[in-house]
Amino acid sequence: MELNGPNVEGRLEACIGENESLERENALFSAYIDRHLGGKGDVQPSRAVEPSKSRKNELGTGLPSEVSIEQRTEIAQQEVEDLKDDIMTTRATSEKLRDRLLAVSEECDMRIAQVKKDVYEFRREIVIGGENPRTGKIVAEKVIRYSEEKLRQKDSIVDKLKLKNQALKIQVHKLDKQLGEKEEMGEALSAIDFDQLRIENQQYVEKINVRQKELVKLKQTAGKTVQVLNSLKGKLTALSRQSTALELQTVEKEQQLATIKDEIRRVQEEKERAERENSLARQAQNEVKMPHVMDYVHRRVNEDESRRQFESWERKVEIAKRGAIQARRLVQNPTGSIAQSASH
């Protein structure tokens, strides 16, 4: 039996994809077991799959089993709910930790600024301003007065913070009291109010479901739009490259056309010069009535040579004209020239 390379590669890729899917599914089941059964329970299969005899021989006495679609759906939904709860808990914890860290960071910045200010003032008032100009030593009285002044400032700050703390405690007590009153009012609500709240909750849940469906549709539309955009970007890149190639070809054809025009002009000048020489020769031949035989022979040879040159130049001019026409067509229609060159 010969192995077909593409078929083997396709089967291998399919097996790899199936293995990855099974690994993800096993990871989901393991997480569910660890979360709900503590890693000690087993998921009861809904039905057992009877293997073939050859498969039994390969696997021995153990029979494979699989989880039903309902159980898989239930496990997946439960894991999604658990993950959402974990995300919300982690987010709340992270927000609290972030707020605490921000508060600590602000407090550290304030303390650093205060320490820098105290160091500056101490250096200005004591190290520089408190030095005795005669002895070069710091006066102790200035140090004592500076310390007492700083202590009075700290006491004043402490008193202000105490007052602020008392005001905050009073505010917290008021808020606790208001919260307790609201809870008592909530307990006093009637069954009708609860029914109304339940109906409103159901309406909001339906609205949320509708919004979620719309969000899914918008995500799908956005995905399709991204795919179309990527396709158009690829086409634009290809067209840009083609345009660049056409511009280069146009420049080359223009250069060739200019060269051909110069050659045509040069050939025409040579042709006109040859025609003038031929005309002069014919006039001189007509003026001489009885030329010498050798002169006649030489003139006939020169005439034949001039005729051959004239015919050669005519062919060159015809070839140059055809090249000029072709180059002009290529310059006027570069896209058609590319298609013709591709077909050739």
C-alpha atoms as a PDB file:
ATOM      1  CA  MET A   1       0.000   0.000   0.000  1.00  0.00           C
ATOM      2  CA  GLU A   2       1.497   3.308  -1.080  1.00  0.00           C
ATOM      3  CA  LEU A   3       1.173   6.343   1.177  1.00  0.00           C
ATOM      4  CA  ASN A   4      -0.106   9.484  -0.375  1.00  0.00           C
ATOM      5  CA  GLY A   5       1.823  12.486   0.935  1.00  0.00           C
ATOM      6  CA  PRO A   6      -0.967  15.123   0.997  1.00  0.00           C
ATOM      7  CA  ASN A   7      -3.471  12.675   2.515  1.00  0.00           C
ATOM      8  CA  VAL A   8      -1.030  11.714   5.268  1.00  0.00           C
ATOM      9  CA  GLU A   9      -0.297  15.362   6.014  1.00  0.00           C
ATOM     10  CA  GLY A  10      -4.013  16.173   6.122  1.00  0.00           C
ATOM     11  CA  ARG A  11      -4.696  13.282   8.480  1.00  0.00           C
ATOM     12  CA  LEU A  12      -1.765  14.325  10.655  1.00  0.00           C
ATOM     13  CA  GLU A  13      -3.054  17.902  10.880  1.00  0.00           C
ATOM     14  CA  ALA A  14      -6.550  16.633  11.670  1.00  0.00           C
ATOM     15  CA  CYS A  15      -5.146  14.380  14.426  1.00  0.00           C
ATOM     16  CA  ILE A  16      -3.107  17.264  15.859  1.00  0.00           C
ATOM     17  CA  GLY A  17      -6.190  19.532  15.894  1.00  0.00           C
ATOM     18  CA  GLU A  18      -8.288  16.790  17.495  1.00  0.00           C
ATOM     19  CA  ASN A  19      -5.602  16.216  20.148  1.00  0.00           C
ATOM     20  CA  GLU A  20      -5.459  19.933  20.949  1.00  0.00           C
ATOM     21  CA  SER A  21      -9.256  20.017  21.270  1.00  0.00           C
ATOM     22  CA  LEU A  22      -9.175  16.982  23.586  1.00  0.00           C
ATOM     23  CA  GLU A  23      -6.422  18.583  25.681  1.00  0.00           C
ATOM     24  CA  ARG A  24      -8.487  21.736  26.117  1.00  0.00           C
ATOM     25  CA  GLU A  25     -11.556  19.676  26.979  1.00  0.00           C
ATOM     26  CA  ASN A  26      -9.571  17.612  29.517  1.00  0.00           C
ATOM     27  CA  ALA A  27      -8.201  20.815  31.044  1.00  0.00           C
ATOM     28  CA  LEU A  28     -11.788  22.094  31.385  1.00  0.00           C
ATOM     29  CA  PHE A  29     -12.907  18.837  33.047  1.00  0.00           C
ATOM     30  CA  SER A  30      -9.897  18.863  35.384  1.00  0.00           C
ATOM     31  CA  ALA A  31     -10.619  22.448  36.410  1.00  0.00           C
ATOM     32  CA  TYR A  32     -14.279  21.545  37.037  1.00  0.00           C
ATOM     33  CA  ILE A  33     -13.301  18.496  39.131  1.00  0.00           C
ATOM     34  CA  ASP A  34     -10.715  20.454  41.123  1.00  0.00           C
ATOM     35  CA  ARG A  35     -13.160  23.291  41.710  1.00  0.00           C
ATOM     36  CA  HIS A  36     -16.305  21.346  42.617  1.00  0.00           C
ATOM     37  CA  LEU A  37     -15.115  17.878  43.652  1.00  0.00           C
ATOM     38  CA  GLY A  38     -11.756  18.722  45.154  1.00  0.00           C
ATOM     39  CA  GLY A  39      -9.902  16.574  42.588  1.00  0.00           C
ATOM     40  CA  LYS A  40     -11.317  13.382  44.150  1.00  0.00           C
ATOM     41  CA  GLY A  41     -14.542  12.839  42.247  1.00  0.00           C
ATOM     42  CA  ASP A  42     -15.367  11.461  38.855  1.00  0.00           C
ATOM     43  CA  VAL A  43     -17.697  12.738  36.181  1.00  0.00           C
ATOM     44  CA  GLN A  44     -20.263  10.016  35.499  1.00  0.00           C
ATOM     45  CA  PRO A  45     -20.526   9.360  31.778  1.00  0.00           C
ATOM     46  CA  SER A  46     -23.937   9.270  30.218  1.00  0.00           C
ATOM     47  CA  ARG A  47     -23.199   6.293  27.995  1.00  0.00           C
ATOM     48  CA  ALA A  48     -20.395   3.971  27.125  1.00  0.00           C
ATOM     49  CA  VAL A  49     -19.088   3.618  23.601  1.00  0.00           C
ATOM     50  CA  GLU A  50     -18.607  -0.029  22.595  1.00  0.00           C
ATOM     51  CA  PRO A  51     -15.257  -0.297  20.773  1.00  0.00           C
ATOM     52  CA  SER A  52     -14.521  -2.714  17.983  1.00  0.00           C
ATOM     53  CA  LYS A  53     -12.822  -6.050  18.574  1.00  0.00           C
ATOM     54  CA  SER A  54      -9.511  -4.843  17.194  1.00  0.00           C
ATOM     55  CA  ARG A  55      -9.727  -1.762  19.401  1.00  0.00           C
ATOM     56  CA  LYS A  56     -10.474  -4.017  22.403  1.00  0.00           C
ATOM     57  CA  ASN A  57      -7.378  -6.020  21.623  1.00  0.00           C
ATOM     58  CA  GLU A  58      -5.328  -2.835  21.467  1.00  0.00           C
ATOM     59  CA  LEU A  59      -6.723  -1.289  24.640  1.00  0.00           C
ATOM     60  CA  GLY A  60      -7.090  -4.497  26.638  1.00  0.00           C
ATOM     61  CA  THR A  61      -9.971  -4.896  28.993  1.00  0.00           C
ATOM     62  CA  GLY A  62     -10.585  -1.143  29.584  1.00  0.00           C
ATOM     63  CA  LEU A  63     -13.580   0.303  27.741  1.00  0.00           C
ATOM     64  CA  PRO A  64     -13.499   4.012  26.704  1.00  0.00           C
ATOM     65  CA  SER A  65     -16.336   6.306  27.731  1.00  0.00           C
ATOM     66  CA  GLU A  66     -17.354   9.846  26.913  1.00  0.00           C
ATOM     67  CA  VAL A  67     -19.288  12.644  28.565  1.00  0.00           C
ATOM     68  CA  SER A  68     -22.657  13.532  27.066  1.00  0.00           C
ATOM     69  CA  ILE A  69     -23.340  16.826  25.333  1.00  0.00           C
ATOM     70  CA  GLU A  70     -25.649  17.932  28.172  1.00  0.00           C
ATOM     71  CA  GLN A  71     -22.956  17.270  30.771  1.00  0.00           C
ATOM     72  CA  ARG A  72     -20.338  19.071  28.689  1.00  0.00           C
ATOM     73  CA  THR A  73     -22.629  22.062  28.271  1.00  0.00           C
ATOM     74  CA  GLU A  74     -23.427  22.145  31.974  1.00  0.00           C
ATOM     75  CA  ILE A  75     -19.750  21.872  32.907  1.00  0.00           C
ATOM     76  CA  ALA A  76     -18.778  24.601  30.445  1.00  0.00           C
ATOM     77  CA  GLN A  77     -21.533  26.944  31.679  1.00  0.00           C
ATOM     78  CA  GLN A  78     -20.574  26.302  35.292  1.00  0.00           C
ATOM     79  CA  GLU A  79     -16.916  26.983  34.527  1.00  0.00           C
ATOM     80  CA  VAL A  80     -17.840  30.191  32.705  1.00  0.00           C
ATOM     81  CA  GLU A  81     -19.889  31.372  35.686  1.00  0.00           C
ATOM     82  CA  ASP A  82     -17.082  30.438  38.080  1.00  0.00           C
ATOM     83  CA  LEU A  83     -14.533  32.242  35.936  1.00  0.00           C
ATOM     84  CA  LYS A  84     -16.755  35.324  35.814  1.00  0.00           C
ATOM     85  CA  ASP A  85     -17.028  35.235  39.616  1.00  0.00           C
ATOM     86  CA  ASP A  86     -13.257  34.832  39.908  1.00  0.00           C
ATOM     87  CA  ILE A  87     -12.715  37.713  37.513  1.00  0.00           C
ATOM     88  CA  MET A  88     -15.106  39.963  39.447  1.00  0.00           C
ATOM     89  CA  THR A  89     -13.493  39.002  42.759  1.00  0.00           C
ATOM     90  CA  THR A  90     -10.008  39.528  41.384  1.00  0.00           C
ATOM     91  CA  ARG A  91     -11.050  42.833  39.841  1.00  0.00           C
ATOM     92  CA  ALA A  92     -12.540  44.061  43.130  1.00  0.00           C
ATOM     93  CA  THR A  93      -9.444  42.943  45.033  1.00  0.00           C
ATOM     94  CA  SER A  94      -7.188  44.562  42.447  1.00  0.00           C
ATOM     95  CA  GLU A  95      -9.123  47.826  42.604  1.00  0.00           C
ATOM     96  CA  LYS A  96      -8.894  47.879  46.392  1.00  0.00           C
ATOM     97  CA  LEU A  97      -5.181  47.093  46.247  1.00  0.00           C
ATOM     98  CA  ARG A  98      -4.674  49.739  43.580  1.00  0.00           C
ATOM     99  CA  ASP A  99      -6.498  52.372  45.638  1.00  0.00           C
ATOM    100  CA  ARG A 100      -4.463  51.408  48.684  1.00  0.00           C
ATOM    101  CA  LEU A 101      -1.210  51.573  46.728  1.00  0.00           C
ATOM    102  CA  LEU A 102      -2.198  54.929  45.243  1.00  0.00           C
ATOM    103  CA  ALA A 103      -2.946  56.258  48.717  1.00  0.00           C
ATOM    104  CA  VAL A 104       0.370  54.924  50.027  1.00  0.00           C
ATOM    105  CA  SER A 105       2.188  56.393  47.011  1.00  0.00           C
ATOM    106  CA  GLU A 106       0.567  59.800  47.528  1.00  0.00           C
ATOM    107  CA  GLU A 107       1.398  59.697  51.204  1.00  0.00           C
ATOM    108  CA  CYS A 108       5.014  58.791  50.399  1.00  0.00           C
ATOM    109  CA  ASP A 109       5.223  61.650  47.910  1.00  0.00           C
ATOM    110  CA  MET A 110       3.845  64.057  50.495  1.00  0.00           C
ATOM    111  CA  ARG A 111       6.301  62.815  53.101  1.00  0.00           C
ATOM    112  CA  ILE A 112       9.218  63.047  50.684  1.00  0.00           C
ATOM    113  CA  ALA A 113       8.223  66.608  49.774  1.00  0.00           C
ATOM    114  CA  GLN A 114       7.874  67.501  53.477  1.00  0.00           C
ATOM    115  CA  VAL A 115      11.267  65.968  54.312  1.00  0.00           C
ATOM    116  CA  LYS A 116      12.904  67.858  51.443  1.00  0.00           C
ATOM    117  CA  LYS A 117      11.293  71.065  52.680  1.00  0.00           C
ATOM    118  CA  ASP A 118      12.457  70.413  56.273  1.00  0.00           C
ATOM    119  CA  VAL A 119      15.996  69.678  55.078  1.00  0.00           C
ATOM    120  CA  TYR A 120      16.057  72.867  53.037  1.00  0.00           C
ATOM    121  CA  GLU A 121      14.741  74.966  55.925  1.00  0.00           C
ATOM    122  CA  PHE A 122      17.133  73.315  58.406  1.00  0.00           C
ATOM    123  CA  ARG A 123      20.071  74.029  56.129  1.00  0.00           C
ATOM    124  CA  ARG A 124      18.936  77.612  55.562  1.00  0.00           C
ATOM    125  CA  GLU A 125      18.056  78.390  59.187  1.00  0.00           C
ATOM    126  CA  ILE A 126      20.653  76.359  61.089  1.00  0.00           C
ATOM    127  CA  VAL A 127      23.528  75.196  58.929  1.00  0.00           C
ATOM    128  CA  ILE A 128      23.933  78.504  57.098  1.00  0.00           C
ATOM    129  CA  GLY A 129      21.943  81.071  59.096  1.00  0.00           C
ATOM    130  CA  GLY A 130      22.772  79.708  62.567  1.00  0.00           C
ATOM    131  CA  GLU A 131      26.553  79.836  62.166  1.00  0.00           C
ATOM    132  CA  ASN A 132      28.454  82.304  64.342  1.00  0.00           C
ATOM    133  CA  PRO A 133      30.558  84.454  62.013  1.00  0.00           C
ATOM    134  CA  ARG A 134      33.260  84.939  64.653  1.00  0.00           C
ATOM    135  CA  THR A 135      33.726  81.377  65.900  1.00  0.00           C
ATOM    136  CA  GLY A 136      32.383  79.498  62.856  1.00  0.00           C
ATOM    137  CA  LYS A 137      30.186  77.269  65.086  1.00  0.00           C
ATOM    138  CA  ILE A 138      26.419  76.848  65.104  1.00  0.00           C
ATOM    139  CA  VAL A 139      24.596  78.726  67.857  1.00  0.00           C
ATOM    140  CA  ALA A 140      22.727  76.294  70.139  1.00  0.00           C
ATOM    141  CA  GLU A 141      19.931  78.751  70.906  1.00  0.00           C
ATOM    142  CA  LYS A 142      18.938  78.924  67.254  1.00  0.00           C
ATOM    143  CA  VAL A 143      18.820  75.142  67.086  1.00  0.00           C
ATOM    144  CA  ILE A 144      16.571  74.984  70.163  1.00  0.00           C
ATOM    145  CA  ARG A 145      14.246  77.676  68.836  1.00  0.00           C
ATOM    146  CA  TYR A 146      14.068  75.929  65.461  1.00  0.00           C
ATOM    147  CA  SER A 147      13.210  72.609  67.132  1.00  0.00           C
ATOM    148  CA  GLU A 148      10.539  74.179  69.334  1.00  0.00           C
ATOM    149  CA  GLU A 149       8.997  75.909  66.323  1.00  0.00           C
ATOM    150  CA  LYS A 150       8.873  72.653  64.394  1.00  0.00           C
ATOM    151  CA  LEU A 151       7.300  70.864  67.371  1.00  0.00           C
ATOM    152  CA  ARG A 152       4.620  73.555  67.624  1.00  0.00           C
ATOM    153  CA  GLN A 153       3.896  73.162  63.896  1.00  0.00           C
ATOM    154  CA  LYS A 154       3.605  69.385  64.295  1.00  0.00           C
ATOM    155  CA  ASP A 155       1.257  69.808  67.263  1.00  0.00           C
ATOM    156  CA  SER A 156      -0.885  72.168  65.223  1.00  0.00           C
ATOM    157  CA  ILE A 157      -1.012  69.629  62.372  1.00  0.00           C
ATOM    158  CA  VAL A 158      -1.935  66.870  64.846  1.00  0.00           C
ATOM    159  CA  ASP A 159      -4.781  68.976  66.235  1.00  0.00           C
ATOM    160  CA  LYS A 160      -6.087  69.673  62.741  1.00  0.00           C
ATOM    161  CA  LEU A 161      -5.955  65.969  61.874  1.00  0.00           C
ATOM    162  CA  LYS A 162      -7.784  65.096  65.081  1.00  0.00           C
ATOM    163  CA  LEU A 163     -10.549  67.534  64.239  1.00  0.00           C
ATOM    164  CA  LYS A 164     -10.738  66.147  60.713  1.00  0.00           C
ATOM    165  CA  ASN A 165     -10.832  62.602  62.076  1.00  0.00           C
ATOM    166  CA  GLN A 166     -13.692  63.476  64.409  1.00  0.00           C
ATOM    167  CA  ALA A 167     -15.609  65.092  61.557  1.00  0.00           C
ATOM    168  CA  LEU A 168     -15.093  61.966  59.421  1.00  0.00           C
ATOM    169  CA  LYS A 169     -16.273  59.746  62.287  1.00  0.00           C
ATOM    170  CA  ILE A 170     -19.415  61.837  62.636  1.00  0.00           C
ATOM    171  CA  GLN A 171     -19.993  61.587  58.871  1.00  0.00           C
ATOM    172  CA  VAL A 172     -19.488  57.804  58.955  1.00  0.00           C
ATOM    173  CA  HIS A 173     -21.943  57.519  61.875  1.00  0.00           C
ATOM    174  CA  LYS A 174     -24.526  59.514  59.909  1.00  0.00           C
ATOM    175  CA  LEU A 175     -24.031  57.356  56.821  1.00  0.00           C
ATOM    176  CA  ASP A 176     -24.352  54.160  58.910  1.00  0.00           C
ATOM    177  CA  LYS A 177     -27.534  55.495  60.412  1.00  0.00           C
ATOM    178  CA  GLN A 178     -28.944  56.362  56.973  1.00  0.00           C
ATOM    179  CA  LEU A 179     -27.968  52.914  55.692  1.00  0.00           C
ATOM    180  CA  GLY A 180     -29.733  51.259  58.618  1.00  0.00           C
ATOM    181  CA  GLU A 181     -32.869  53.314  57.970  1.00  0.00           C
ATOM    182  CA  LYS A 182     -32.783  52.320  54.298  1.00  0.00           C
ATOM    183  CA  GLU A 183     -32.438  48.657  55.247  1.00  0.00           C
ATOM    184  CA  GLU A 184     -35.396  48.962  57.647  1.00  0.00           C
ATOM    185  CA  MET A 185     -37.436  50.587  54.919  1.00  0.00           C
ATOM    186  CA  GLY A 186     -36.458  47.760  52.563  1.00  0.00           C
ATOM    187  CA  GLU A 187     -37.679  45.182  55.092  1.00  0.00           C
ATOM    188  CA  ALA A 188     -40.957  47.040  55.347  1.00  0.00           C
ATOM    189  CA  LEU A 189     -41.598  46.764  51.627  1.00  0.00           C
ATOM    190  CA  SER A 190     -44.704  44.858  50.644  1.00  0.00           C
ATOM    191  CA  ALA A 191     -44.965  41.808  48.403  1.00  0.00           C
ATOM    192  CA  ILE A 192     -46.302  44.018  45.607  1.00  0.00           C
ATOM    193  CA  ASP A 193     -43.135  46.098  45.664  1.00  0.00           C
ATOM    194  CA  PHE A 194     -41.027  42.958  45.481  1.00  0.00           C
ATOM    195  CA  ASP A 195     -43.082  41.703  42.540  1.00  0.00           C
ATOM    196  CA  GLN A 196     -42.650  45.003  40.791  1.00  0.00           C
ATOM    197  CA  LEU A 197     -38.909  44.933  41.417  1.00  0.00           C
ATOM    198  CA  ARG A 198     -38.788  41.361  40.131  1.00  0.00           C
ATOM    199  CA  ILE A 199     -40.616  42.359  36.958  1.00  0.00           C
ATOM    200  CA  GLU A 200     -38.284  45.305  36.427  1.00  0.00           C
ATOM    201  CA  ASN A 201     -35.314  43.026  37.021  1.00  0.00           C
ATOM    202  CA  GLN A 202     -36.651  40.577  34.425  1.00  0.00           C
ATOM    203  CA  GLN A 203     -37.112  43.414  31.935  1.00  0.00           C
ATOM    204  CA  TYR A 204     -33.582  44.612  32.514  1.00  0.00           C
ATOM    205  CA  VAL A 205     -32.272  41.069  32.087  1.00  0.00           C
ATOM    206  CA  GLU A 206     -34.103  40.777  28.760  1.00  0.00           C
ATOM    207  CA  LYS A 207     -32.679  44.119  27.663  1.00  0.00           C
ATOM    208  CA  ILE A 208     -29.207  42.942  28.638  1.00  0.00           C
ATOM    209  CA  ASN A 209     -29.663  39.747  26.620  1.00  0.00           C
ATOM    210  CA  VAL A 210     -30.799  41.754  23.601  1.00  0.00           C
ATOM    211  CA  ARG A 211     -27.789  44.044  23.953  1.00  0.00           C
ATOM    212  CA  GLN A 212     -25.491  41.050  24.239  1.00  0.00           C
ATOM    213  CA  LYS A 213     -26.912  39.552  21.043  1.00  0.00           C
ATOM    214  CA  GLU A 214     -26.451  42.880  19.284  1.00  0.00           C
ATOM    215  CA  LEU A 215     -22.904  43.009  20.603  1.00  0.00           C
ATOM    216  CA  VAL A 216     -22.211  39.524  19.225  1.00  0.00           C
ATOM    217  CA  LYS A 217     -23.603  40.551  15.823  1.00  0.00           C
ATOM    218  CA  LEU A 218     -21.504  43.708  15.858  1.00  0.00           C
ATOM    219  CA  LYS A 219     -18.405  41.664  16.707  1.00  0.00           C
ATOM    220  CA  GLN A 220     -19.132  39.322  13.816  1.00  0.00           C
ATOM    221  CA  THR A 221     -19.658  42.275  11.489  1.00  0.00           C
ATOM    222  CA  ALA A 222     -16.426  43.813  12.713  1.00  0.00           C
ATOM    223  CA  GLY A 223     -14.606  40.539  12.054  1.00  0.00           C
ATOM    224  CA  LYS A 224     -15.972  40.360   8.510  1.00  0.00           C
ATOM    225  CA  THR A 225     -15.076  44.020   7.978  1.00  0.00           C
ATOM    226  CA  VAL A 226     -11.522  43.351   9.133  1.00  0.00           C
ATOM    227  CA  GLN A 227     -11.265  40.421   6.726  1.00  0.00           C
ATOM    228  CA  VAL A 228     -12.527  42.544   3.824  1.00  0.00           C
ATOM    229  CA  LEU A 229     -10.150  45.337   4.838  1.00  0.00           C
ATOM    230  CA  ASN A 230      -7.194  42.946   4.881  1.00  0.00           C
ATOM    231  CA  SER A 231      -8.195  41.631   1.445  1.00  0.00           C
ATOM    232  CA  LEU A 232      -8.476  45.161   0.066  1.00  0.00           C
ATOM    233  CA  LYS A 233      -5.114  46.043   1.608  1.00  0.00           C
ATOM    234  CA  GLY A 234      -3.569  43.069  -0.187  1.00  0.00           C
ATOM    235  CA  LYS A 235      -5.142  44.152  -3.491  1.00  0.00           C
ATOM    236  CA  LEU A 236      -3.961  47.723  -2.916  1.00  0.00           C
ATOM    237  CA  THR A 237      -0.413  46.499  -2.288  1.00  0.00           C
ATOM    238  CA  ALA A 238      -0.484  44.422  -5.487  1.00  0.00           C
ATOM    239  CA  LEU A 239      -1.853  47.378  -7.487  1.00  0.00           C
ATOM    240  CA  SER A 240       0.772  49.686  -5.987  1.00  0.00           C
ATOM    241  CA  ARG A 241       3.521  47.284  -7.036  1.00  0.00           C
ATOM    242  CA  GLN A 242       2.010  47.018 -10.519  1.00  0.00           C
ATOM    243  CA  SER A 243       1.776  50.811 -10.744  1.00  0.00           C
ATOM    244  CA  THR A 244       5.429  51.143  -9.721  1.00  0.00           C
ATOM    245  CA  ALA A 245       6.432  48.584 -12.354  1.00  0.00           C
ATOM    246  CA  LEU A 246       4.380  50.434 -14.994  1.00  0.00           C
ATOM    247  CA  GLU A 247       6.006  53.735 -14.055  1.00  0.00           C
ATOM    248  CA  LEU A 248       9.461  52.185 -14.426  1.00  0.00           C
ATOM    249  CA  GLN A 249       8.484  50.683 -17.780  1.00  0.00           C
ATOM    250  CA  THR A 250       7.092  54.056 -18.897  1.00  0.00           C
ATOM    251  CA  VAL A 251      10.366  55.778 -18.017  1.00  0.00           C
ATOM    252  CA  GLU A 252      12.329  53.124 -19.899  1.00  0.00           C
ATOM    253  CA  LYS A 253      10.043  53.394 -22.953  1.00  0.00           C
ATOM    254  CA  GLU A 254      10.326  57.178 -22.917  1.00  0.00           C
ATOM    255  CA  GLN A 255      14.096  56.886 -22.858  1.00  0.00           C
ATOM    256  CA  GLN A 256      13.963  54.390 -25.728  1.00  0.00           C
ATOM    257  CA  LEU A 257      11.609  56.707 -27.636  1.00  0.00           C
ATOM    258  CA  ALA A 258      13.971  59.647 -27.150  1.00  0.00           C
ATOM    259  CA  THR A 259      16.884  57.523 -28.390  1.00  0.00           C
ATOM    260  CA  ILE A 260      14.878  56.374 -31.422  1.00  0.00           C
ATOM    261  CA  LYS A 261      13.862  59.968 -32.180  1.00  0.00           C
ATOM    262  CA  ASP A 262      17.522  61.060 -32.076  1.00  0.00           C
ATOM    263  CA  GLU A 263      18.478  58.197 -34.368  1.00  0.00           C
ATOM    264  CA  ILE A 264      15.626  59.050 -36.776  1.00  0.00           C
ATOM    265  CA  ARG A 265      16.745  62.682 -36.851  1.00  0.00           C
ATOM    266  CA  ARG A 266      20.347  61.664 -37.493  1.00  0.00           C
ATOM    267  CA  VAL A 267      19.283  59.255 -40.263  1.00  0.00           C
ATOM    268  CA  GLN A 268      17.122  61.921 -41.897  1.00  0.00           C
ATOM    269  CA  GLU A 269      20.050  64.369 -41.856  1.00  0.00           C
ATOM    270  CA  GLU A 270      22.313  61.763 -43.421  1.00  0.00           C
ATOM    271  CA  LYS A 271      19.603  60.960 -45.956  1.00  0.00           C
ATOM    272  CA  GLU A 272      19.234  64.635 -46.887  1.00  0.00           C
ATOM    273  CA  ARG A 273      23.009  64.997 -47.157  1.00  0.00           C
ATOM    274  CA  ALA A 274      23.176  61.910 -49.366  1.00  0.00           C
ATOM    275  CA  GLU A 275      20.336  63.230 -51.528  1.00  0.00           C
ATOM    276  CA  ARG A 276      22.146  66.545 -51.949  1.00  0.00           C
ATOM    277  CA  GLU A 277      25.357  64.764 -52.882  1.00  0.00           C
ATOM    278  CA  ASN A 278      23.444  62.569 -55.300  1.00  0.00           C
ATOM    279  CA  SER A 279      21.755  65.603 -56.833  1.00  0.00           C
ATOM    280  CA  LEU A 280      25.082  67.364 -57.231  1.00  0.00           C
ATOM    281  CA  ALA A 281      26.545  64.268 -58.759  1.00  0.00           C
ATOM    282  CA  ARG A 282      23.667  63.982 -61.215  1.00  0.00           C
ATOM    283  CA  GLN A 283      23.992  67.663 -62.150  1.00  0.00           C
ATOM    284  CA  ALA A 284      27.709  67.246 -62.709  1.00  0.00           C
ATOM    285  CA  GLN A 285      27.019  64.117 -64.754  1.00  0.00           C
ATOM    286  CA  ASN A 286      24.498  65.983 -66.882  1.00  0.00           C
ATOM    287  CA  GLU A 287      26.886  68.904 -67.441  1.00  0.00           C
ATOM    288  CA  VAL A 288      29.630  66.673 -68.797  1.00  0.00           C
ATOM    289  CA  LYS A 289      28.628  65.683 -72.306  1.00  0.00           C
ATOM    290  CA  MET A 290      31.360  63.255 -73.213  1.00  0.00           C
ATOM    291  CA  PRO A 291      32.873  61.821 -70.036  1.00  0.00           C
ATOM    292  CA  HIS A 292      35.934  59.657 -70.138  1.00  0.00           C
ATOM    293  CA  VAL A 293      35.350  55.936 -70.028  1.00  0.00           C
ATOM    294  CA  MET A 294      37.167  55.453 -66.700  1.00  0.00           C
ATOM    295  CA  ASP A 295      35.329  58.411 -65.212  1.00  0.00           C
ATOM    296  CA  TYR A 296      32.100  56.843 -66.369  1.00  0.00           C
ATOM    297  CA  VAL A 297      33.073  53.562 -64.751  1.00  0.00           C
ATOM    298  CA  HIS A 298      34.065  55.246 -61.496  1.00  0.00           C
ATOM    299  CA  ARG A 299      30.916  57.311 -61.499  1.00  0.00           C
ATOM    300  CA  ARG A 300      28.823  54.221 -62.152  1.00  0.00           C
ATOM    301  CA  VAL A 301      30.517  52.404 -59.238  1.00  0.00           C
ATOM    302  CA  ASN A 302      29.981  55.400 -56.990  1.00  0.00           C
ATOM    303  CA  GLU A 303      26.398  55.605 -58.122  1.00  0.00           C
ATOM    304  CA  ASP A 304      25.789  51.944 -57.311  1.00  0.00           C
ATOM    305  CA  GLU A 305      27.448  52.370 -53.918  1.00  0.00           C
ATOM    306  CA  SER A 306      25.345  55.467 -53.237  1.00  0.00           C
ATOM    307  CA  ARG A 307      22.209  53.607 -54.303  1.00  0.00           C
ATOM    308  CA  ARG A 308      23.023  50.728 -51.957  1.00  0.00           C
ATOM    309  CA  GLN A 309      23.686  53.189 -49.096  1.00  0.00           C
ATOM    310  CA  PHE A 310      20.453  54.980 -49.929  1.00  0.00           C
ATOM    311  CA  GLU A 311      18.477  51.717 -49.811  1.00  0.00           C
ATOM    312  CA  SER A 312      20.212  50.748 -46.563  1.00  0.00           C
ATOM    313  CA  TRP A 313      19.351  54.096 -45.026  1.00  0.00           C
ATOM    314  CA  GLU A 314      15.766  53.785 -46.211  1.00  0.00           C
ATOM    315  CA  ARG A 315      15.506  50.393 -44.481  1.00  0.00           C
ATOM    316  CA  LYS A 316      17.023  51.865 -41.330  1.00  0.00           C
ATOM    317  CA  VAL A 317      14.568  54.769 -41.444  1.00  0.00           C
ATOM    318  CA  GLU A 318      11.640  52.350 -41.927  1.00  0.00           C
ATOM    319  CA  ILE A 319      12.817  50.206 -38.958  1.00  0.00           C
ATOM    320  CA  ALA A 320      13.293  53.314 -36.837  1.00  0.00           C
ATOM    321  CA  LYS A 321       9.802  54.568 -37.736  1.00  0.00           C
ATOM    322  CA  ARG A 322       8.263  51.229 -36.765  1.00  0.00           C
ATOM    323  CA  GLY A 323      10.163  51.248 -33.461  1.00  0.00           C
ATOM    324  CA  ALA A 324       9.022  54.814 -32.796  1.00  0.00           C
ATOM    325  CA  ILE A 325       5.380  53.902 -33.517  1.00  0.00           C
ATOM    326  CA  GLN A 326       5.601  50.852 -31.239  1.00  0.00           C
ATOM    327  CA  ALA A 327       7.272  52.867 -28.471  1.00  0.00           C
ATOM    328  CA  ARG A 328       4.603  55.594 -28.772  1.00  0.00           C
ATOM    329  CA  ARG A 329       1.882  52.953 -28.452  1.00  0.00           C
ATOM    330  CA  LEU A 330       3.588  51.467 -25.389  1.00  0.00           C
ATOM    331  CA  VAL A 331       3.815  54.911 -23.772  1.00  0.00           C
ATOM    332  CA  GLN A 332       0.148  55.687 -24.520  1.00  0.00           C
ATOM    333  CA  ASN A 333      -1.154  52.251 -23.347  1.00  0.00           C
ATOM    334  CA  PRO A 334       1.333  50.682 -20.842  1.00  0.00           C
ATOM    335  CA  THR A 335      -1.299  48.252 -19.401  1.00  0.00           C
ATOM    336  CA  GLY A 336      -1.966  46.683 -22.781  1.00  0.00           C
ATOM    337  CA  SER A 337       1.763  46.292 -23.377  1.00  0.00           C
ATOM    338  CA  ILE A 338       2.142  44.417 -20.090  1.00  0.00           C
ATOM    339  CA  ALA A 339      -0.742  42.103 -21.029  1.00  0.00           C
ATOM    340  CA  GLN A 340       0.816  41.468 -24.472  1.00  0.00           C
ATOM    341  CA  SER A 341       4.236  40.784 -22.946  1.00  0.00           C
ATOM    342  CA  ALA A 342       2.608  38.423 -20.409  1.00  0.00           C
ATOM    343  CA  SER A 343       0.731  36.576 -23.184  1.00  0.00           C
ATOM    344  CA  HIS A 344       3.992  36.257 -25.216  1.00  0.00           C
END
